[in-house]
Amino acid sequence: MWLLLAAAPAAALESPFVATTHGAKCNLDSAGYLNCHYRVGAELEFTLRRVAEPDVRLEIQRSDPEGDYFVAPKLEGRCALVRHGRRGLEGGGSMTRFASVSGKNGFVYRSLRECRLSR
């Protein structure tokens, strides 16, 4: 029984791609710009403002590298990178698995290459 309880947290932890995809919501603002908001796990919340525009902006409301997930503080080629934080790694997450969120379309991708090639 103890083995089942010990394995439960690791099994419940979603990959950054899955967690970010489930937490995505995009809407047009009053000026007609697309803004996408992402809630990932308990500690990560960020917004991409003016998606598809050359001046897309990453606004981080909450991000903790010590938590389950965190987002890099700057865009990487118009892509926001979501990774497992320290608690996520301890719970079975991977340093090599991440999500790339496109500032071109708001979609979530499994790799930075896919994100950079997005339209």
PDB file of N, CA and C in Angstrom:
ATOM      1  N   MET A   1       0.821  -1.190   0.000  1.00  0.00           N
ATOM      2  CA  MET A   1       0.000   0.000   0.000  1.00  0.00           C
ATOM      3  C   MET A   1       0.866   1.256   0.000  1.00  0.00           C
ATOM      4  N   TRP A   2       1.955   1.265   0.753  1.00  0.00           N
ATOM      5  CA  TRP A   2       2.823   2.433   0.797  1.00  0.00           C
ATOM      6  C   TRP A   2       3.427   2.725  -0.565  1.00  0.00           C
ATOM      7  N   LEU A   3       3.714   1.714  -1.339  1.00  0.00           N
ATOM      8  CA  LEU A   3       4.276   1.929  -2.671  1.00  0.00           C
ATOM      9  C   LEU A   3       3.293   2.643  -3.571  1.00  0.00           C
ATOM     10  N   LEU A   4       2.025   2.305  -3.474  1.00  0.00           N
ATOM     11  CA  LEU A   4       1.013   2.978  -4.288  1.00  0.00           C
ATOM     12  C   LEU A   4       0.895   4.448  -3.903  1.00  0.00           C
ATOM     13  N   LEU A   5       0.924   4.739  -2.626  1.00  0.00           N
ATOM     14  CA  LEU A   5       0.832   6.131  -2.181  1.00  0.00           C
ATOM     15  C   LEU A   5       2.060   6.923  -2.596  1.00  0.00           C
ATOM     16  N   ALA A   6       3.213   6.325  -2.543  1.00  0.00           N
ATOM     17  CA  ALA A   6       4.443   7.019  -2.933  1.00  0.00           C
ATOM     18  C   ALA A   6       4.486   7.292  -4.421  1.00  0.00           C
ATOM     19  N   ALA A   7       3.887   6.428  -5.227  1.00  0.00           N
ATOM     20  CA  ALA A   7       3.922   6.587  -6.676  1.00  0.00           C
ATOM     21  C   ALA A   7       2.858   7.553  -7.182  1.00  0.00           C
ATOM     22  N   ALA A   8       1.838   7.806  -6.402  1.00  0.00           N
ATOM     23  CA  ALA A   8       0.721   8.636  -6.864  1.00  0.00           C
ATOM     24  C   ALA A   8       1.128  10.042  -7.294  1.00  0.00           C
ATOM     25  N   PRO A   9       1.936  10.810  -6.530  1.00  0.00           N
ATOM     26  CA  PRO A   9       2.276  12.162  -6.969  1.00  0.00           C
ATOM     27  C   PRO A   9       3.020  12.189  -8.300  1.00  0.00           C
ATOM     28  N   ALA A  10       3.926  11.251  -8.521  1.00  0.00           N
ATOM     29  CA  ALA A  10       4.684  11.235  -9.769  1.00  0.00           C
ATOM     30  C   ALA A  10       3.762  10.945 -10.947  1.00  0.00           C
ATOM     31  N   ALA A  11       2.809  10.059 -10.759  1.00  0.00           N
ATOM     32  CA  ALA A  11       1.890   9.707 -11.842  1.00  0.00           C
ATOM     33  C   ALA A  11       0.941  10.859 -12.154  1.00  0.00           C
ATOM     34  N   ALA A  12       0.626  11.685 -11.152  1.00  0.00           N
ATOM     35  CA  ALA A  12      -0.332  12.768 -11.340  1.00  0.00           C
ATOM     36  C   ALA A  12       0.285  13.985 -12.020  1.00  0.00           C
ATOM     37  N   LEU A  13       1.603  14.109 -12.013  1.00  0.00           N
ATOM     38  CA  LEU A  13       2.268  15.274 -12.583  1.00  0.00           C
ATOM     39  C   LEU A  13       2.212  15.224 -14.108  1.00  0.00           C
ATOM     40  N   GLU A  14       1.616  16.224 -14.699  1.00  0.00           N
ATOM     41  CA  GLU A  14       1.523  16.287 -16.162  1.00  0.00           C
ATOM     42  C   GLU A  14       2.804  16.860 -16.752  1.00  0.00           C
ATOM     43  N   SER A  15       3.051  16.526 -18.003  1.00  0.00           N
ATOM     44  CA  SER A  15       4.181  17.128 -18.704  1.00  0.00           C
ATOM     45  C   SER A  15       3.892  18.623 -18.873  1.00  0.00           C
ATOM     46  N   PRO A  16       4.932  19.442 -19.025  1.00  0.00           N
ATOM     47  CA  PRO A  16       4.691  20.869 -19.259  1.00  0.00           C
ATOM     48  C   PRO A  16       3.792  21.118 -20.478  1.00  0.00           C
ATOM     49  N   PHE A  17       3.940  20.309 -21.529  1.00  0.00           N
ATOM     50  CA  PHE A  17       3.111  20.471 -22.721  1.00  0.00           C
ATOM     51  C   PHE A  17       1.635  20.258 -22.393  1.00  0.00           C
ATOM     52  N   VAL A  18       1.322  19.156 -21.733  1.00  0.00           N
ATOM     53  CA  VAL A  18      -0.076  18.837 -21.411  1.00  0.00           C
ATOM     54  C   VAL A  18      -0.654  19.871 -20.449  1.00  0.00           C
ATOM     55  N   ALA A  19       0.090  20.182 -19.388  1.00  0.00           N
ATOM     56  CA  ALA A  19      -0.400  21.134 -18.391  1.00  0.00           C
ATOM     57  C   ALA A  19      -0.628  22.520 -18.998  1.00  0.00           C
ATOM     58  N   THR A  20       0.272  22.964 -19.852  1.00  0.00           N
ATOM     59  CA  THR A  20       0.137  24.284 -20.477  1.00  0.00           C
ATOM     60  C   THR A  20      -1.015  24.296 -21.469  1.00  0.00           C
ATOM     61  N   THR A  21      -1.167  23.228 -22.232  1.00  0.00           N
ATOM     62  CA  THR A  21      -2.277  23.132 -23.191  1.00  0.00           C
ATOM     63  C   THR A  21      -3.617  23.199 -22.464  1.00  0.00           C
ATOM     64  N   HIS A  22      -3.740  22.470 -21.355  1.00  0.00           N
ATOM     65  CA  HIS A  22      -5.000  22.476 -20.594  1.00  0.00           C
ATOM     66  C   HIS A  22      -5.282  23.821 -19.955  1.00  0.00           C
ATOM     67  N   GLY A  23      -4.238  24.586 -19.651  1.00  0.00           N
ATOM     68  CA  GLY A  23      -4.422  25.861 -18.973  1.00  0.00           C
ATOM     69  C   GLY A  23      -4.469  27.074 -19.874  1.00  0.00           C
ATOM     70  N   ALA A  24      -4.622  26.875 -21.183  1.00  0.00           N
ATOM     71  CA  ALA A  24      -4.586  27.988 -22.148  1.00  0.00           C
ATOM     72  C   ALA A  24      -5.980  28.533 -22.438  1.00  0.00           C
ATOM     73  N   LYS A  25      -6.046  29.856 -22.534  1.00  0.00           N
ATOM     74  CA  LYS A  25      -7.305  30.520 -22.906  1.00  0.00           C
ATOM     75  C   LYS A  25      -6.962  31.788 -23.671  1.00  0.00           C
ATOM     76  N   CYS A  26      -7.452  31.918 -24.893  1.00  0.00           N
ATOM     77  CA  CYS A  26      -7.163  33.088 -25.729  1.00  0.00           C
ATOM     78  C   CYS A  26      -8.448  33.841 -26.053  1.00  0.00           C
ATOM     79  N   ASN A  27      -8.342  35.172 -26.085  1.00  0.00           N
ATOM     80  CA  ASN A  27      -9.477  36.041 -26.401  1.00  0.00           C
ATOM     81  C   ASN A  27      -8.982  37.293 -27.101  1.00  0.00           C
ATOM     82  N   LEU A  28      -9.880  37.923 -27.846  1.00  0.00           N
ATOM     83  CA  LEU A  28      -9.588  39.218 -28.451  1.00  0.00           C
ATOM     84  C   LEU A  28      -9.914  40.312 -27.444  1.00  0.00           C
ATOM     85  N   ASP A  29      -9.050  41.327 -27.359  1.00  0.00           N
ATOM     86  CA  ASP A  29      -9.355  42.460 -26.489  1.00  0.00           C
ATOM     87  C   ASP A  29     -10.181  43.489 -27.258  1.00  0.00           C
ATOM     88  N   SER A  30     -10.519  44.591 -26.619  1.00  0.00           N
ATOM     89  CA  SER A  30     -11.400  45.595 -27.230  1.00  0.00           C
ATOM     90  C   SER A  30     -10.781  46.261 -28.455  1.00  0.00           C
ATOM     91  N   ALA A  31      -9.440  46.236 -28.557  1.00  0.00           N
ATOM     92  CA  ALA A  31      -8.754  46.824 -29.711  1.00  0.00           C
ATOM     93  C   ALA A  31      -8.576  45.810 -30.842  1.00  0.00           C
ATOM     94  N   GLY A  32      -9.006  44.568 -30.615  1.00  0.00           N
ATOM     95  CA  GLY A  32      -8.907  43.543 -31.649  1.00  0.00           C
ATOM     96  C   GLY A  32      -7.622  42.719 -31.600  1.00  0.00           C
ATOM     97  N   TYR A  33      -6.828  42.889 -30.548  1.00  0.00           N
ATOM     98  CA  TYR A  33      -5.593  42.108 -30.407  1.00  0.00           C
ATOM     99  C   TYR A  33      -5.875  40.802 -29.675  1.00  0.00           C
ATOM    100  N   LEU A  34      -5.165  39.761 -30.074  1.00  0.00           N
ATOM    101  CA  LEU A  34      -5.299  38.459 -29.435  1.00  0.00           C
ATOM    102  C   LEU A  34      -4.387  38.398 -28.209  1.00  0.00           C
ATOM    103  N   ASN A  35      -4.966  38.072 -27.054  1.00  0.00           N
ATOM    104  CA  ASN A  35      -4.224  37.895 -25.811  1.00  0.00           C
ATOM    105  C   ASN A  35      -4.495  36.486 -25.315  1.00  0.00           C
ATOM    106  N   CYS A  36      -3.453  35.775 -24.911  1.00  0.00           N
ATOM    107  CA  CYS A  36      -3.602  34.408 -24.421  1.00  0.00           C
ATOM    108  C   CYS A  36      -3.087  34.327 -22.993  1.00  0.00           C
ATOM    109  N   HIS A  37      -3.898  33.731 -22.134  1.00  0.00           N
ATOM    110  CA  HIS A  37      -3.578  33.593 -20.717  1.00  0.00           C
ATOM    111  C   HIS A  37      -3.379  32.107 -20.420  1.00  0.00           C
ATOM    112  N   TYR A  38      -2.371  31.803 -19.610  1.00  0.00           N
ATOM    113  CA  TYR A  38      -2.016  30.415 -19.301  1.00  0.00           C
ATOM    114  C   TYR A  38      -1.911  30.243 -17.791  1.00  0.00           C
ATOM    115  N   ARG A  39      -2.613  29.233 -17.266  1.00  0.00           N
ATOM    116  CA  ARG A  39      -2.495  28.823 -15.863  1.00  0.00           C
ATOM    117  C   ARG A  39      -1.991  27.396 -15.870  1.00  0.00           C
ATOM    118  N   VAL A  40      -0.824  27.201 -15.290  1.00  0.00           N
ATOM    119  CA  VAL A  40      -0.162  25.900 -15.340  1.00  0.00           C
ATOM    120  C   VAL A  40       0.161  25.478 -13.910  1.00  0.00           C
ATOM    121  N   GLY A  41      -0.470  24.416 -13.455  1.00  0.00           N
ATOM    122  CA  GLY A  41      -0.271  23.988 -12.076  1.00  0.00           C
ATOM    123  C   GLY A  41      -0.779  25.043 -11.111  1.00  0.00           C
ATOM    124  N   ALA A  42      -0.266  24.996  -9.888  1.00  0.00           N
ATOM    125  CA  ALA A  42      -0.736  25.905  -8.847  1.00  0.00           C
ATOM    126  C   ALA A  42       0.017  27.228  -8.822  1.00  0.00           C
ATOM    127  N   GLU A  43       1.261  27.253  -9.331  1.00  0.00           N
ATOM    128  CA  GLU A  43       2.083  28.454  -9.153  1.00  0.00           C
ATOM    129  C   GLU A  43       2.421  29.221 -10.416  1.00  0.00           C
ATOM    130  N   LEU A  44       2.038  28.739 -11.572  1.00  0.00           N
ATOM    131  CA  LEU A  44       2.435  29.429 -12.803  1.00  0.00           C
ATOM    132  C   LEU A  44       1.234  30.049 -13.499  1.00  0.00           C
ATOM    133  N   GLU A  45       1.375  31.341 -13.798  1.00  0.00           N
ATOM    134  CA  GLU A  45       0.348  32.078 -14.523  1.00  0.00           C
ATOM    135  C   GLU A  45       1.045  33.165 -15.336  1.00  0.00           C
ATOM    136  N   PHE A  46       0.791  33.167 -16.650  1.00  0.00           N
ATOM    137  CA  PHE A  46       1.395  34.180 -17.510  1.00  0.00           C
ATOM    138  C   PHE A  46       0.482  34.484 -18.682  1.00  0.00           C
ATOM    139  N   THR A  47       0.754  35.615 -19.340  1.00  0.00           N
ATOM    140  CA  THR A  47      -0.056  36.083 -20.461  1.00  0.00           C
ATOM    141  C   THR A  47       0.855  36.474 -21.612  1.00  0.00           C
ATOM    142  N   LEU A  48       0.438  36.132 -22.811  1.00  0.00           N
ATOM    143  CA  LEU A  48       1.070  36.668 -24.021  1.00  0.00           C
ATOM    144  C   LEU A  48       0.122  37.726 -24.567  1.00  0.00           C
ATOM    145  N   ARG A  49       0.586  38.963 -24.619  1.00  0.00           N
ATOM    146  CA  ARG A  49      -0.219  40.094 -25.105  1.00  0.00           C
ATOM    147  C   ARG A  49       0.150  40.391 -26.553  1.00  0.00           C
ATOM    148  N   ARG A  50      -0.879  40.665 -27.338  1.00  0.00           N
ATOM    149  CA  ARG A  50      -0.712  41.032 -28.746  1.00  0.00           C
ATOM    150  C   ARG A  50      -0.079  39.885 -29.550  1.00  0.00           C
ATOM    151  N   VAL A  51      -0.640  38.685 -29.334  1.00  0.00           N
ATOM    152  CA  VAL A  51      -0.181  37.507 -30.075  1.00  0.00           C
ATOM    153  C   VAL A  51      -0.335  37.776 -31.571  1.00  0.00           C
ATOM    154  N   ALA A  52       0.621  37.318 -32.340  1.00  0.00           N
ATOM    155  CA  ALA A  52       0.683  37.462 -33.802  1.00  0.00           C
ATOM    156  C   ALA A  52       1.213  38.826 -34.247  1.00  0.00           C
ATOM    157  N   GLU A  53       1.458  39.723 -33.312  1.00  0.00           N
ATOM    158  CA  GLU A  53       2.023  41.025 -33.638  1.00  0.00           C
ATOM    159  C   GLU A  53       3.545  40.972 -33.440  1.00  0.00           C
ATOM    160  N   PRO A  54       4.286  41.805 -34.162  1.00  0.00           N
ATOM    161  CA  PRO A  54       5.750  41.814 -33.992  1.00  0.00           C
ATOM    162  C   PRO A  54       6.195  42.175 -32.566  1.00  0.00           C
ATOM    163  N   ASP A  55       5.360  42.917 -31.849  1.00  0.00           N
ATOM    164  CA  ASP A  55       5.727  43.357 -30.495  1.00  0.00           C
ATOM    165  C   ASP A  55       5.017  42.541 -29.404  1.00  0.00           C
ATOM    166  N   VAL A  56       4.799  41.254 -29.670  1.00  0.00           N
ATOM    167  CA  VAL A  56       4.171  40.383 -28.665  1.00  0.00           C
ATOM    168  C   VAL A  56       4.947  40.494 -27.348  1.00  0.00           C
ATOM    169  N   ARG A  57       4.194  40.507 -26.211  1.00  0.00           N
ATOM    170  CA  ARG A  57       4.831  40.683 -24.901  1.00  0.00           C
ATOM    171  C   ARG A  57       4.476  39.527 -23.971  1.00  0.00           C
ATOM    172  N   LEU A  58       5.456  39.100 -23.215  1.00  0.00           N
ATOM    173  CA  LEU A  58       5.264  38.107 -22.167  1.00  0.00           C
ATOM    174  C   LEU A  58       5.084  38.853 -20.848  1.00  0.00           C
ATOM    175  N   GLU A  59       3.945  38.620 -20.177  1.00  0.00           N
ATOM    176  CA  GLU A  59       3.691  39.201 -18.866  1.00  0.00           C
ATOM    177  C   GLU A  59       3.511  38.048 -17.887  1.00  0.00           C
ATOM    178  N   ILE A  60       4.375  37.996 -16.893  1.00  0.00           N
ATOM    179  CA  ILE A  60       4.336  36.910 -15.916  1.00  0.00           C
ATOM    180  C   ILE A  60       3.634  37.398 -14.654  1.00  0.00           C
ATOM    181  N   GLN A  61       2.515  36.748 -14.326  1.00  0.00           N
ATOM    182  CA  GLN A  61       1.807  37.083 -13.103  1.00  0.00           C
ATOM    183  C   GLN A  61       2.409  36.314 -11.915  1.00  0.00           C
ATOM    184  N   ARG A  62       2.687  35.011 -12.118  1.00  0.00           N
ATOM    185  CA  ARG A  62       3.293  34.167 -11.076  1.00  0.00           C
ATOM    186  C   ARG A  62       4.154  33.112 -11.755  1.00  0.00           C
ATOM    187  N   SER A  63       5.363  32.940 -11.270  1.00  0.00           N
ATOM    188  CA  SER A  63       6.256  31.894 -11.774  1.00  0.00           C
ATOM    189  C   SER A  63       7.300  31.632 -10.697  1.00  0.00           C
ATOM    190  N   ASP A  64       7.442  30.361 -10.308  1.00  0.00           N
ATOM    191  CA  ASP A  64       8.368  30.014  -9.239  1.00  0.00           C
ATOM    192  C   ASP A  64       9.210  28.811  -9.656  1.00  0.00           C
ATOM    193  N   PRO A  65      10.502  29.010  -9.916  1.00  0.00           N
ATOM    194  CA  PRO A  65      11.369  27.889 -10.288  1.00  0.00           C
ATOM    195  C   PRO A  65      11.417  26.784  -9.233  1.00  0.00           C
ATOM    196  N   GLU A  66      10.993  27.087  -8.015  1.00  0.00           N
ATOM    197  CA  GLU A  66      10.955  26.078  -6.954  1.00  0.00           C
ATOM    198  C   GLU A  66       9.659  25.265  -6.990  1.00  0.00           C
ATOM    199  N   GLY A  67       8.670  25.685  -7.765  1.00  0.00           N
ATOM    200  CA  GLY A  67       7.364  25.017  -7.812  1.00  0.00           C
ATOM    201  C   GLY A  67       7.314  23.870  -8.809  1.00  0.00           C
ATOM    202  N   ASP A  68       6.095  23.487  -9.196  1.00  0.00           N
ATOM    203  CA  ASP A  68       5.902  22.402 -10.160  1.00  0.00           C
ATOM    204  C   ASP A  68       6.344  22.807 -11.569  1.00  0.00           C
ATOM    205  N   TYR A  69       6.008  24.044 -11.970  1.00  0.00           N
ATOM    206  CA  TYR A  69       6.325  24.554 -13.303  1.00  0.00           C
ATOM    207  C   TYR A  69       6.766  26.008 -13.186  1.00  0.00           C
ATOM    208  N   PHE A  70       7.547  26.462 -14.171  1.00  0.00           N
ATOM    209  CA  PHE A  70       7.888  27.875 -14.254  1.00  0.00           C
ATOM    210  C   PHE A  70       8.090  28.238 -15.728  1.00  0.00           C
ATOM    211  N   VAL A  71       8.026  29.539 -16.028  1.00  0.00           N
ATOM    212  CA  VAL A  71       8.251  30.024 -17.387  1.00  0.00           C
ATOM    213  C   VAL A  71       9.539  30.850 -17.382  1.00  0.00           C
ATOM    214  N   ALA A  72      10.335  30.711 -18.446  1.00  0.00           N
ATOM    215  CA  ALA A  72      11.546  31.519 -18.589  1.00  0.00           C
ATOM    216  C   ALA A  72      11.135  32.995 -18.638  1.00  0.00           C
ATOM    217  N   PRO A  73      11.932  33.887 -18.043  1.00  0.00           N
ATOM    218  CA  PRO A  73      11.519  35.284 -17.930  1.00  0.00           C
ATOM    219  C   PRO A  73      11.499  36.075 -19.239  1.00  0.00           C
ATOM    220  N   LYS A  74      12.118  35.555 -20.287  1.00  0.00           N
ATOM    221  CA  LYS A  74      12.131  36.257 -21.575  1.00  0.00           C
ATOM    222  C   LYS A  74      11.736  35.299 -22.686  1.00  0.00           C
ATOM    223  N   LEU A  75      11.150  35.859 -23.743  1.00  0.00           N
ATOM    224  CA  LEU A  75      10.803  35.052 -24.912  1.00  0.00           C
ATOM    225  C   LEU A  75      12.067  34.587 -25.616  1.00  0.00           C
ATOM    226  N   GLU A  76      12.022  33.390 -26.122  1.00  0.00           N
ATOM    227  CA  GLU A  76      13.126  32.801 -26.883  1.00  0.00           C
ATOM    228  C   GLU A  76      12.640  32.675 -28.327  1.00  0.00           C
ATOM    229  N   GLY A  77      13.018  33.647 -29.171  1.00  0.00           N
ATOM    230  CA  GLY A  77      12.556  33.624 -30.558  1.00  0.00           C
ATOM    231  C   GLY A  77      11.047  33.665 -30.674  1.00  0.00           C
ATOM    232  N   ARG A  78      10.389  34.539 -29.916  1.00  0.00           N
ATOM    233  CA  ARG A  78       8.934  34.711 -29.871  1.00  0.00           C
ATOM    234  C   ARG A  78       8.223  33.502 -29.279  1.00  0.00           C
ATOM    235  N   CYS A  79       8.935  32.716 -28.467  1.00  0.00           N
ATOM    236  CA  CYS A  79       8.350  31.553 -27.804  1.00  0.00           C
ATOM    237  C   CYS A  79       8.618  31.636 -26.300  1.00  0.00           C
ATOM    238  N   ALA A  80       7.599  31.321 -25.506  1.00  0.00           N
ATOM    239  CA  ALA A  80       7.741  31.246 -24.053  1.00  0.00           C
ATOM    240  C   ALA A  80       7.999  29.789 -23.678  1.00  0.00           C
ATOM    241  N   LEU A  81       9.034  29.560 -22.866  1.00  0.00           N
ATOM    242  CA  LEU A  81       9.416  28.195 -22.496  1.00  0.00           C
ATOM    243  C   LEU A  81       8.920  27.860 -21.092  1.00  0.00           C
ATOM    244  N   VAL A  82       8.109  26.794 -20.988  1.00  0.00           N
ATOM    245  CA  VAL A  82       7.583  26.314 -19.716  1.00  0.00           C
ATOM    246  C   VAL A  82       8.301  25.017 -19.361  1.00  0.00           C
ATOM    247  N   ARG A  83       8.839  24.966 -18.142  1.00  0.00           N
ATOM    248  CA  ARG A  83       9.610  23.796 -17.685  1.00  0.00           C
ATOM    249  C   ARG A  83       9.109  23.339 -16.316  1.00  0.00           C
ATOM    250  N   HIS A  84       9.510  22.133 -15.954  1.00  0.00           N
ATOM    251  CA  HIS A  84       9.270  21.682 -14.581  1.00  0.00           C
ATOM    252  C   HIS A  84      10.177  22.469 -13.646  1.00  0.00           C
ATOM    253  N   GLY A  85       9.618  22.891 -12.520  1.00  0.00           N
ATOM    254  CA  GLY A  85      10.408  23.511 -11.470  1.00  0.00           C
ATOM    255  C   GLY A  85      11.004  22.443 -10.567  1.00  0.00           C
ATOM    256  N   ARG A  86      11.637  22.879  -9.496  1.00  0.00           N
ATOM    257  CA  ARG A  86      12.305  21.939  -8.592  1.00  0.00           C
ATOM    258  C   ARG A  86      11.327  20.922  -8.012  1.00  0.00           C
ATOM    259  N   ARG A  87      10.176  21.374  -7.523  1.00  0.00           N
ATOM    260  CA  ARG A  87       9.194  20.446  -6.961  1.00  0.00           C
ATOM    261  C   ARG A  87       8.658  19.503  -8.026  1.00  0.00           C
ATOM    262  N   GLY A  88       8.511  19.986  -9.252  1.00  0.00           N
ATOM    263  CA  GLY A  88       8.071  19.134 -10.352  1.00  0.00           C
ATOM    264  C   GLY A  88       9.094  18.068 -10.685  1.00  0.00           C
ATOM    265  N   LEU A  89      10.370  18.434 -10.646  1.00  0.00           N
ATOM    266  CA  LEU A  89      11.431  17.454 -10.899  1.00  0.00           C
ATOM    267  C   LEU A  89      11.464  16.401  -9.797  1.00  0.00           C
ATOM    268  N   GLU A  90      11.292  16.838  -8.565  1.00  0.00           N
ATOM    269  CA  GLU A  90      11.267  15.892  -7.449  1.00  0.00           C
ATOM    270  C   GLU A  90      10.050  14.976  -7.523  1.00  0.00           C
ATOM    271  N   GLY A  91       8.981  15.438  -8.161  1.00  0.00           N
ATOM    272  CA  GLY A  91       7.753  14.652  -8.292  1.00  0.00           C
ATOM    273  C   GLY A  91       7.704  13.789  -9.540  1.00  0.00           C
ATOM    274  N   GLY A  92       8.821  13.664 -10.238  1.00  0.00           N
ATOM    275  CA  GLY A  92       8.865  12.790 -11.400  1.00  0.00           C
ATOM    276  C   GLY A  92       8.965  13.517 -12.728  1.00  0.00           C
ATOM    277  N   GLY A  93       9.058  14.841 -12.717  1.00  0.00           N
ATOM    278  CA  GLY A  93       9.201  15.603 -13.950  1.00  0.00           C
ATOM    279  C   GLY A  93      10.581  15.423 -14.565  1.00  0.00           C
ATOM    280  N   SER A  94      10.762  15.996 -15.733  1.00  0.00           N
ATOM    281  CA  SER A  94      12.004  15.828 -16.487  1.00  0.00           C
ATOM    282  C   SER A  94      12.606  17.184 -16.837  1.00  0.00           C
ATOM    283  N   MET A  95      13.935  17.257 -16.790  1.00  0.00           N
ATOM    284  CA  MET A  95      14.618  18.482 -17.197  1.00  0.00           C
ATOM    285  C   MET A  95      14.586  18.656 -18.715  1.00  0.00           C
ATOM    286  N   THR A  96      14.373  17.574 -19.450  1.00  0.00           N
ATOM    287  CA  THR A  96      14.415  17.645 -20.908  1.00  0.00           C
ATOM    288  C   THR A  96      13.041  17.838 -21.541  1.00  0.00           C
ATOM    289  N   ARG A  97      11.973  17.696 -20.780  1.00  0.00           N
ATOM    290  CA  ARG A  97      10.625  17.902 -21.317  1.00  0.00           C
ATOM    291  C   ARG A  97      10.157  19.307 -20.968  1.00  0.00           C
ATOM    292  N   PHE A  98       9.675  20.027 -21.966  1.00  0.00           N
ATOM    293  CA  PHE A  98       9.184  21.379 -21.743  1.00  0.00           C
ATOM    294  C   PHE A  98       8.104  21.683 -22.766  1.00  0.00           C
ATOM    295  N   ALA A  99       7.505  22.837 -22.645  1.00  0.00           N
ATOM    296  CA  ALA A  99       6.518  23.319 -23.607  1.00  0.00           C
ATOM    297  C   ALA A  99       7.014  24.644 -24.162  1.00  0.00           C
ATOM    298  N   SER A 100       6.743  24.875 -25.436  1.00  0.00           N
ATOM    299  CA  SER A 100       7.053  26.147 -26.082  1.00  0.00           C
ATOM    300  C   SER A 100       5.734  26.771 -26.517  1.00  0.00           C
ATOM    301  N   VAL A 101       5.467  27.972 -26.034  1.00  0.00           N
ATOM    302  CA  VAL A 101       4.215  28.656 -26.351  1.00  0.00           C
ATOM    303  C   VAL A 101       4.522  29.747 -27.372  1.00  0.00           C
ATOM    304  N   SER A 102       3.839  29.679 -28.500  1.00  0.00           N
ATOM    305  CA  SER A 102       4.133  30.574 -29.607  1.00  0.00           C
ATOM    306  C   SER A 102       3.507  31.953 -29.443  1.00  0.00           C
ATOM    307  N   GLY A 103       4.337  32.972 -29.594  1.00  0.00           N
ATOM    308  CA  GLY A 103       3.854  34.345 -29.634  1.00  0.00           C
ATOM    309  C   GLY A 103       3.284  34.699 -31.002  1.00  0.00           C
ATOM    310  N   LYS A 104       3.400  33.783 -31.953  1.00  0.00           N
ATOM    311  CA  LYS A 104       2.844  34.006 -33.299  1.00  0.00           C
ATOM    312  C   LYS A 104       1.378  33.603 -33.375  1.00  0.00           C
ATOM    313  N   ASN A 105       0.985  32.560 -32.591  1.00  0.00           N
ATOM    314  CA  ASN A 105      -0.390  32.074 -32.690  1.00  0.00           C
ATOM    315  C   ASN A 105      -1.001  31.653 -31.356  1.00  0.00           C
ATOM    316  N   GLY A 106      -0.227  31.651 -30.276  1.00  0.00           N
ATOM    317  CA  GLY A 106      -0.741  31.268 -28.966  1.00  0.00           C
ATOM    318  C   GLY A 106      -0.784  29.771 -28.710  1.00  0.00           C
ATOM    319  N   PHE A 107      -0.438  28.958 -29.706  1.00  0.00           N
ATOM    320  CA  PHE A 107      -0.478  27.501 -29.553  1.00  0.00           C
ATOM    321  C   PHE A 107       0.691  27.021 -28.706  1.00  0.00           C
ATOM    322  N   VAL A 108       0.505  25.843 -28.121  1.00  0.00           N
ATOM    323  CA  VAL A 108       1.541  25.210 -27.299  1.00  0.00           C
ATOM    324  C   VAL A 108       2.179  24.092 -28.121  1.00  0.00           C
ATOM    325  N   TYR A 109       3.501  24.061 -28.133  1.00  0.00           N
ATOM    326  CA  TYR A 109       4.254  23.060 -28.897  1.00  0.00           C
ATOM    327  C   TYR A 109       5.160  22.261 -27.967  1.00  0.00           C
ATOM    328  N   ARG A 110       5.567  21.087 -28.438  1.00  0.00           N
ATOM    329  CA  ARG A 110       6.437  20.196 -27.657  1.00  0.00           C
ATOM    330  C   ARG A 110       7.919  20.565 -27.776  1.00  0.00           C
ATOM    331  N   SER A 111       8.269  21.340 -28.794  1.00  0.00           N
ATOM    332  CA  SER A 111       9.681  21.683 -28.974  1.00  0.00           C
ATOM    333  C   SER A 111       9.826  23.147 -29.379  1.00  0.00           C
ATOM    334  N   LEU A 112      11.006  23.696 -29.111  1.00  0.00           N
ATOM    335  CA  LEU A 112      11.299  25.068 -29.504  1.00  0.00           C
ATOM    336  C   LEU A 112      11.339  25.185 -31.024  1.00  0.00           C
ATOM    337  N   ARG A 113      11.820  24.161 -31.687  1.00  0.00           N
ATOM    338  CA  ARG A 113      11.877  24.168 -33.156  1.00  0.00           C
ATOM    339  C   ARG A 113      10.473  24.289 -33.757  1.00  0.00           C
ATOM    340  N   GLU A 114       9.531  23.476 -33.261  1.00  0.00           N
ATOM    341  CA  GLU A 114       8.142  23.558 -33.742  1.00  0.00           C
ATOM    342  C   GLU A 114       7.565  24.938 -33.503  1.00  0.00           C
ATOM    343  N   CYS A 115       7.845  25.498 -32.340  1.00  0.00           N
ATOM    344  CA  CYS A 115       7.339  26.817 -32.002  1.00  0.00           C
ATOM    345  C   CYS A 115       7.897  27.887 -32.935  1.00  0.00           C
ATOM    346  N   ARG A 116       9.206  27.832 -33.164  1.00  0.00           N
ATOM    347  CA  ARG A 116       9.831  28.824 -34.045  1.00  0.00           C
ATOM    348  C   ARG A 116       9.335  28.724 -35.484  1.00  0.00           C
ATOM    349  N   LEU A 117       8.982  27.525 -35.927  1.00  0.00           N
ATOM    350  CA  LEU A 117       8.500  27.337 -37.293  1.00  0.00           C
ATOM    351  C   LEU A 117       7.003  27.602 -37.438  1.00  0.00           C
ATOM    352  N   SER A 118       6.325  27.848 -36.325  1.00  0.00           N
ATOM    353  CA  SER A 118       4.864  28.059 -36.375  1.00  0.00           C
ATOM    354  C   SER A 118       4.535  29.337 -37.150  1.00  0.00           C
ATOM    355  N   ARG A 119       3.331  29.368 -37.636  1.00  0.00           N
ATOM    356  CA  ARG A 119       2.850  30.539 -38.398  1.00  0.00           C
ATOM    357  C   ARG A 119       1.785  31.257 -37.627  1.00  0.00           C
TER     358      ARG A 119
END
